[in-house]
């Protein structure tokens, strides 16, 4: 599905986040809309990876990313996820 991009799973605060990454250079985080997944970037991400490091993830509770029932999805939990990804 994603030619040249590497799939990864990242555990953040006990929640598995699925995504893909490729390329070299300045980082570019690609976020999908509702109700999509990281697959929305399948055509554009390989082209962007020629110029930067592309990271496309599934939001919590979408695609292959988890969302435990005990943790509601809010702007705060999503923002915490992206802050943790940036620090990796």
Protein backbone atom coordinates (compact mmCIF):
# COMPACT_ATOMS: atom_id res chain seq x y z
CA UNK A 1 0.00 0.00 0.00
CA UNK A 2 2.81 2.44 0.96
CA UNK A 3 5.73 1.84 -1.39
CA UNK A 4 8.98 2.88 0.26
CA UNK A 5 7.39 3.79 3.61
CA UNK A 6 8.06 1.83 6.79
CA UNK A 7 5.15 0.90 9.08
CA UNK A 8 5.65 1.41 12.82
CA UNK A 9 3.77 0.90 16.07
CA UNK A 10 4.52 3.28 18.93
CA UNK A 11 3.27 2.75 22.50
CA UNK A 12 2.37 6.10 24.06
CA UNK A 13 0.97 6.06 27.59
CA UNK A 14 -0.03 2.42 27.09
CA UNK A 15 -1.83 3.09 23.80
CA UNK A 16 -0.55 1.66 20.50
CA UNK A 17 -0.33 4.24 17.69
CA UNK A 18 0.15 2.94 14.12
CA UNK A 19 1.83 4.93 11.38
CA UNK A 20 4.27 5.04 8.51
CA UNK A 21 7.49 6.97 7.98
CA UNK A 22 10.04 7.59 5.21
CA UNK A 23 12.50 10.11 3.87
CA UNK A 24 15.21 12.37 5.21
CA UNK A 25 15.24 16.02 6.13
CA UNK A 26 12.89 18.24 8.13
CA UNK A 27 10.05 16.29 9.78
CA UNK A 28 6.51 16.57 8.43
CA UNK A 29 3.65 15.08 10.47
CA UNK A 30 0.61 14.23 8.33
CA UNK A 31 -2.70 13.97 10.19
CA UNK A 32 -5.88 12.63 8.64
CA UNK A 33 -9.40 13.97 8.99
CA UNK A 34 -12.58 12.38 10.30
CA UNK A 35 -13.38 9.48 9.69
CA UNK A 36 -10.27 8.55 7.70
CA UNK A 37 -6.91 6.94 8.57
CA UNK A 38 -3.27 7.41 7.60
CA UNK A 39 -4.12 5.66 4.30
CA UNK A 40 -5.47 8.99 3.00
CA UNK A 41 -1.80 9.99 2.47
CA UNK A 42 -0.80 6.88 0.43
CA UNK A 43 -0.30 8.80 -2.84
CA UNK A 44 1.19 12.03 -1.51
CA UNK A 45 3.48 10.69 1.26
CA UNK A 46 6.02 8.99 -1.07
CA UNK A 47 6.41 12.23 -3.05
CA UNK A 48 6.84 14.32 0.11
CA UNK A 49 9.40 11.80 1.42
CA UNK A 50 11.74 12.88 -1.38
CA UNK A 51 12.12 16.24 0.40
CA UNK A 52 11.52 15.60 4.11
CA UNK A 53 10.96 12.96 6.76
CA UNK A 54 7.28 12.07 6.51
CA UNK A 55 5.37 10.65 9.48
CA UNK A 56 1.71 9.74 8.97
CA UNK A 57 -0.16 8.22 11.90
CA UNK A 58 -3.66 7.06 12.70
CA UNK A 59 -5.41 9.19 15.30
CA UNK A 60 -6.34 7.38 18.52
CA UNK A 61 -9.32 5.15 17.85
CA UNK A 62 -8.97 5.29 14.05
CA UNK A 63 -7.37 2.85 11.61
CA UNK A 64 -4.97 0.58 13.46
CA UNK A 65 -4.39 2.86 16.45
CA UNK A 66 -5.93 1.82 19.74
CA UNK A 67 -8.18 3.70 22.07
CA UNK A 68 -8.93 2.01 25.37
CA UNK A 69 -12.56 2.36 26.36
CA UNK A 70 -11.53 3.83 29.71
CA UNK A 71 -9.79 6.79 28.00
CA UNK A 72 -12.14 9.12 26.12
CA UNK A 73 -10.84 10.72 22.94
CA UNK A 74 -10.48 14.46 23.53
CA UNK A 75 -8.36 17.23 22.07
CA UNK A 76 -6.14 16.87 25.14
CA UNK A 77 -5.49 13.14 24.66
CA UNK A 78 -4.82 13.65 20.92
CA UNK A 79 -2.46 16.58 21.63
CA UNK A 80 -0.62 14.50 24.22
CA UNK A 81 -0.14 11.78 21.62
CA UNK A 82 1.40 14.19 19.09
CA UNK A 83 3.67 15.78 21.69
CA UNK A 84 4.95 12.29 22.56
CA UNK A 85 5.54 11.42 18.88
CA UNK A 86 7.52 14.64 18.39
CA UNK A 87 9.82 13.74 21.27
CA UNK A 88 10.71 10.30 19.83
